[in-house]
Amino acid sequence: MTQSGLELHDRFTRGESLTPEEQAALQAWYVQEQQEELHALNLSPLPDIVALQDQVRRTLKQLAELLTTIERLEAENAALRQENAHLRAQLAKRIAQQQTA
């Protein structure tokens, strides 16, 4: 005799052992019950947590790569600013020498 999901749930919550087939039937019943509840409440199903965690990991990796790029560009900009300041100083010195000559 096949037991209903409610009967299996009752046995499981009372601590009774279920066969692997009964456990599978109980899990299927839980999924069906959840889907019916979501439909009754007009809610979307919950997102796949593993997929969300994977997406977060990918996004964090992209952010880390972007941070590395930003740090590299900041260092290059600092070097260019320093070279620019040096060249301006040389130009000012030459202009001053030409004016005094």
N, C-alpha and C. Protein backbone atom coordinates (compact mmCIF):
# COMPACT_ATOMS: atom_id res chain seq x y z
N MET A 1 0.85 -1.18 0.00
CA MET A 1 0.00 0.00 0.00
C MET A 1 0.89 1.24 0.00
N THR A 2 0.61 2.17 -0.88
CA THR A 2 1.36 3.41 -0.97
C THR A 2 0.77 4.42 -0.01
N GLN A 3 1.66 5.04 0.77
CA GLN A 3 1.19 6.03 1.75
C GLN A 3 1.23 7.41 1.11
N SER A 4 0.34 8.26 1.59
CA SER A 4 0.31 9.64 1.09
C SER A 4 1.49 10.41 1.67
N GLY A 5 1.77 11.54 1.04
CA GLY A 5 2.85 12.39 1.54
C GLY A 5 2.59 12.83 2.96
N LEU A 6 1.34 13.11 3.27
CA LEU A 6 1.00 13.54 4.63
C LEU A 6 1.28 12.43 5.63
N GLU A 7 0.96 11.20 5.27
CA GLU A 7 1.22 10.08 6.17
C GLU A 7 2.74 9.87 6.35
N LEU A 8 3.47 9.98 5.25
CA LEU A 8 4.93 9.84 5.35
C LEU A 8 5.52 10.96 6.20
N HIS A 9 5.02 12.17 6.00
CA HIS A 9 5.47 13.31 6.79
C HIS A 9 5.21 13.07 8.28
N ASP A 10 4.03 12.57 8.58
CA ASP A 10 3.66 12.28 9.97
C ASP A 10 4.62 11.25 10.57
N ARG A 11 4.89 10.19 9.82
CA ARG A 11 5.81 9.16 10.33
C ARG A 11 7.22 9.72 10.53
N PHE A 12 7.66 10.52 9.54
CA PHE A 12 9.01 11.08 9.59
C PHE A 12 9.17 12.02 10.78
N THR A 13 8.18 12.87 11.01
CA THR A 13 8.28 13.83 12.11
C THR A 13 8.16 13.16 13.47
N ARG A 14 7.64 11.97 13.50
CA ARG A 14 7.58 11.21 14.76
C ARG A 14 8.83 10.38 14.98
N GLY A 15 9.79 10.48 14.05
CA GLY A 15 11.06 9.79 14.23
C GLY A 15 11.10 8.39 13.66
N GLU A 16 10.08 7.99 12.94
CA GLU A 16 10.10 6.65 12.34
C GLU A 16 11.06 6.62 11.16
N SER A 17 11.64 5.48 10.92
CA SER A 17 12.53 5.31 9.78
C SER A 17 11.70 5.13 8.52
N LEU A 18 12.19 5.73 7.44
CA LEU A 18 11.55 5.58 6.14
C LEU A 18 12.51 4.86 5.21
N THR A 19 11.96 4.07 4.33
CA THR A 19 12.79 3.41 3.32
C THR A 19 13.26 4.47 2.33
N PRO A 20 14.30 4.16 1.56
CA PRO A 20 14.74 5.13 0.55
C PRO A 20 13.61 5.54 -0.41
N GLU A 21 12.75 4.60 -0.76
CA GLU A 21 11.63 4.91 -1.65
C GLU A 21 10.65 5.86 -0.96
N GLU A 22 10.40 5.60 0.32
CA GLU A 22 9.49 6.47 1.07
C GLU A 22 10.10 7.87 1.24
N GLN A 23 11.43 7.94 1.47
CA GLN A 23 12.10 9.24 1.59
C GLN A 23 11.99 10.03 0.29
N ALA A 24 12.17 9.33 -0.84
CA ALA A 24 12.05 10.00 -2.14
C ALA A 24 10.62 10.49 -2.36
N ALA A 25 9.66 9.66 -1.98
CA ALA A 25 8.25 10.05 -2.14
C ALA A 25 7.93 11.25 -1.24
N LEU A 26 8.49 11.27 -0.03
CA LEU A 26 8.26 12.37 0.89
C LEU A 26 8.87 13.67 0.34
N GLN A 27 10.10 13.58 -0.18
CA GLN A 27 10.73 14.76 -0.77
C GLN A 27 9.92 15.28 -1.96
N ALA A 28 9.43 14.40 -2.78
CA ALA A 28 8.59 14.81 -3.93
C ALA A 28 7.32 15.48 -3.42
N TRP A 29 6.76 14.96 -2.36
CA TRP A 29 5.54 15.55 -1.79
C TRP A 29 5.83 16.95 -1.24
N TYR A 30 7.01 17.11 -0.57
CA TYR A 30 7.39 18.43 -0.06
C TYR A 30 7.50 19.44 -1.21
N VAL A 31 8.14 19.04 -2.29
CA VAL A 31 8.30 19.93 -3.45
C VAL A 31 6.93 20.31 -4.00
N GLN A 32 6.06 19.32 -4.12
CA GLN A 32 4.71 19.59 -4.65
C GLN A 32 3.95 20.54 -3.71
N GLU A 33 4.05 20.30 -2.43
CA GLU A 33 3.37 21.17 -1.46
C GLU A 33 3.91 22.60 -1.54
N GLN A 34 5.22 22.72 -1.67
CA GLN A 34 5.81 24.06 -1.75
C GLN A 34 5.32 24.77 -3.01
N GLN A 35 5.30 24.07 -4.12
CA GLN A 35 4.84 24.68 -5.37
C GLN A 35 3.38 25.11 -5.25
N GLU A 36 2.56 24.29 -4.63
CA GLU A 36 1.15 24.63 -4.45
C GLU A 36 1.00 25.86 -3.55
N GLU A 37 1.81 25.93 -2.50
CA GLU A 37 1.76 27.09 -1.60
C GLU A 37 2.18 28.36 -2.33
N LEU A 38 3.27 28.26 -3.10
CA LEU A 38 3.73 29.43 -3.85
C LEU A 38 2.68 29.89 -4.85
N HIS A 39 2.06 28.93 -5.50
CA HIS A 39 1.01 29.27 -6.46
C HIS A 39 -0.18 29.93 -5.74
N ALA A 40 -0.55 29.38 -4.61
CA ALA A 40 -1.67 29.93 -3.85
C ALA A 40 -1.36 31.35 -3.36
N LEU A 41 -0.10 31.60 -3.03
CA LEU A 41 0.30 32.92 -2.55
C LEU A 41 0.72 33.83 -3.71
N ASN A 42 0.70 33.29 -4.92
CA ASN A 42 1.08 34.02 -6.11
C ASN A 42 2.52 34.53 -6.00
N LEU A 43 3.41 33.67 -5.53
CA LEU A 43 4.82 34.01 -5.38
C LEU A 43 5.65 33.22 -6.38
N SER A 44 6.80 33.75 -6.71
CA SER A 44 7.73 33.04 -7.58
C SER A 44 8.49 32.03 -6.73
N PRO A 45 8.98 30.98 -7.35
CA PRO A 45 9.81 30.04 -6.59
C PRO A 45 11.10 30.69 -6.15
N LEU A 46 11.66 30.18 -5.08
CA LEU A 46 12.91 30.71 -4.56
C LEU A 46 14.03 30.46 -5.57
N PRO A 47 14.96 31.41 -5.70
CA PRO A 47 16.06 31.21 -6.64
C PRO A 47 16.98 30.09 -6.17
N ASP A 48 17.68 29.52 -7.11
CA ASP A 48 18.63 28.45 -6.80
C ASP A 48 19.81 29.05 -6.05
N ILE A 49 19.98 28.67 -4.79
CA ILE A 49 21.02 29.26 -3.93
C ILE A 49 22.41 28.97 -4.47
N VAL A 50 22.62 27.80 -5.04
CA VAL A 50 23.94 27.46 -5.58
C VAL A 50 24.27 28.37 -6.76
N ALA A 51 23.28 28.61 -7.61
CA ALA A 51 23.49 29.50 -8.75
C ALA A 51 23.77 30.92 -8.28
N LEU A 52 23.07 31.36 -7.25
CA LEU A 52 23.31 32.70 -6.71
C LEU A 52 24.71 32.81 -6.11
N GLN A 53 25.14 31.79 -5.39
CA GLN A 53 26.48 31.80 -4.80
C GLN A 53 27.54 31.83 -5.90
N ASP A 54 27.32 31.08 -6.98
CA ASP A 54 28.25 31.08 -8.11
C ASP A 54 28.30 32.46 -8.75
N GLN A 55 27.16 33.08 -8.90
CA GLN A 55 27.11 34.43 -9.48
C GLN A 55 27.85 35.43 -8.59
N VAL A 56 27.69 35.30 -7.27
CA VAL A 56 28.40 36.19 -6.34
C VAL A 56 29.91 35.98 -6.47
N ARG A 57 30.35 34.72 -6.57
CA ARG A 57 31.78 34.44 -6.72
C ARG A 57 32.33 35.04 -8.02
N ARG A 58 31.58 34.88 -9.11
CA ARG A 58 32.02 35.45 -10.38
C ARG A 58 32.09 36.98 -10.30
N THR A 59 31.11 37.59 -9.66
CA THR A 59 31.09 39.05 -9.53
C THR A 59 32.26 39.53 -8.67
N LEU A 60 32.55 38.82 -7.58
CA LEU A 60 33.68 39.19 -6.73
C LEU A 60 35.00 39.07 -7.49
N LYS A 61 35.11 38.04 -8.33
CA LYS A 61 36.32 37.87 -9.14
C LYS A 61 36.46 39.05 -10.11
N GLN A 62 35.35 39.44 -10.74
CA GLN A 62 35.39 40.58 -11.65
C GLN A 62 35.78 41.86 -10.91
N LEU A 63 35.24 42.04 -9.71
CA LEU A 63 35.58 43.22 -8.92
C LEU A 63 37.07 43.23 -8.55
N ALA A 64 37.60 42.07 -8.20
CA ALA A 64 39.02 41.98 -7.86
C ALA A 64 39.88 42.33 -9.07
N GLU A 65 39.49 41.83 -10.25
CA GLU A 65 40.23 42.14 -11.47
C GLU A 65 40.14 43.63 -11.78
N LEU A 66 38.97 44.21 -11.60
CA LEU A 66 38.79 45.64 -11.84
C LEU A 66 39.63 46.46 -10.87
N LEU A 67 39.68 46.05 -9.62
CA LEU A 67 40.49 46.75 -8.62
C LEU A 67 41.96 46.70 -9.00
N THR A 68 42.43 45.56 -9.49
CA THR A 68 43.81 45.43 -9.93
C THR A 68 44.09 46.38 -11.08
N THR A 69 43.16 46.46 -12.02
CA THR A 69 43.32 47.38 -13.16
C THR A 69 43.36 48.83 -12.69
N ILE A 70 42.46 49.18 -11.78
CA ILE A 70 42.43 50.55 -11.25
C ILE A 70 43.73 50.89 -10.54
N GLU A 71 44.23 49.97 -9.73
CA GLU A 71 45.49 50.21 -9.02
C GLU A 71 46.65 50.39 -10.00
N ARG A 72 46.68 49.58 -11.07
CA ARG A 72 47.72 49.71 -12.08
C ARG A 72 47.63 51.07 -12.77
N LEU A 73 46.42 51.48 -13.12
CA LEU A 73 46.23 52.77 -13.79
C LEU A 73 46.60 53.94 -12.86
N GLU A 74 46.29 53.82 -11.58
CA GLU A 74 46.67 54.86 -10.63
C GLU A 74 48.19 55.00 -10.56
N ALA A 75 48.88 53.86 -10.56
CA ALA A 75 50.35 53.90 -10.51
C ALA A 75 50.91 54.51 -11.80
N GLU A 76 50.33 54.13 -12.95
CA GLU A 76 50.78 54.71 -14.22
C GLU A 76 50.51 56.21 -14.24
N ASN A 77 49.35 56.63 -13.77
CA ASN A 77 49.02 58.06 -13.73
C ASN A 77 49.98 58.82 -12.82
N ALA A 78 50.32 58.25 -11.69
CA ALA A 78 51.25 58.91 -10.77
C ALA A 78 52.61 59.08 -11.44
N ALA A 79 53.06 58.06 -12.15
CA ALA A 79 54.35 58.15 -12.84
C ALA A 79 54.29 59.21 -13.94
N LEU A 80 53.18 59.25 -14.68
CA LEU A 80 53.03 60.27 -15.73
C LEU A 80 52.98 61.68 -15.15
N ARG A 81 52.30 61.83 -14.02
CA ARG A 81 52.25 63.15 -13.36
C ARG A 81 53.66 63.59 -12.94
N GLN A 82 54.41 62.65 -12.41
CA GLN A 82 55.77 62.96 -11.97
C GLN A 82 56.64 63.34 -13.18
N GLU A 83 56.53 62.57 -14.26
CA GLU A 83 57.30 62.89 -15.46
C GLU A 83 56.87 64.25 -16.03
N ASN A 84 55.57 64.52 -16.02
CA ASN A 84 55.04 65.80 -16.50
C ASN A 84 55.60 66.95 -15.67
N ALA A 85 55.61 66.80 -14.37
CA ALA A 85 56.14 67.84 -13.48
C ALA A 85 57.62 68.07 -13.77
N HIS A 86 58.36 66.98 -13.99
CA HIS A 86 59.79 67.09 -14.28
C HIS A 86 60.00 67.83 -15.60
N LEU A 87 59.22 67.49 -16.64
CA LEU A 87 59.35 68.14 -17.94
C LEU A 87 58.97 69.62 -17.86
N ARG A 88 57.94 69.93 -17.09
CA ARG A 88 57.54 71.33 -16.91
C ARG A 88 58.66 72.12 -16.23
N ALA A 89 59.29 71.49 -15.26
CA ALA A 89 60.39 72.16 -14.56
C ALA A 89 61.55 72.42 -15.51
N GLN A 90 61.87 71.41 -16.36
CA GLN A 90 62.93 71.60 -17.34
C GLN A 90 62.58 72.72 -18.32
N LEU A 91 61.33 72.75 -18.78
CA LEU A 91 60.88 73.78 -19.72
C LEU A 91 60.97 75.16 -19.08
N ALA A 92 60.52 75.26 -17.86
CA ALA A 92 60.58 76.55 -17.16
C ALA A 92 62.03 77.01 -17.01
N LYS A 93 62.91 76.06 -16.73
CA LYS A 93 64.34 76.40 -16.58
C LYS A 93 64.90 76.90 -17.90
N ARG A 94 64.57 76.22 -19.00
CA ARG A 94 65.06 76.65 -20.33
C ARG A 94 64.52 78.02 -20.71
N ILE A 95 63.24 78.25 -20.42
CA ILE A 95 62.63 79.54 -20.72
C ILE A 95 63.34 80.64 -19.94
N ALA A 96 63.61 80.36 -18.69
CA ALA A 96 64.27 81.34 -17.83
C ALA A 96 65.68 81.62 -18.34
N GLN A 97 66.38 80.58 -18.80
CA GLN A 97 67.74 80.75 -19.32
C GLN A 97 67.71 81.58 -20.61
N GLN A 98 66.69 81.33 -21.45
CA GLN A 98 66.60 82.07 -22.72
C GLN A 98 66.28 83.54 -22.46
N GLN A 99 65.49 83.78 -21.46
CA GLN A 99 65.12 85.17 -21.17
C GLN A 99 66.28 85.96 -20.59
N THR A 100 67.16 85.28 -19.89
CA THR A 100 68.30 85.96 -19.30
C THR A 100 69.47 86.04 -20.27
N ALA A 101 69.38 85.31 -21.33
CA ALA A 101 70.51 85.32 -22.29
C ALA A 101 70.44 86.44 -23.29
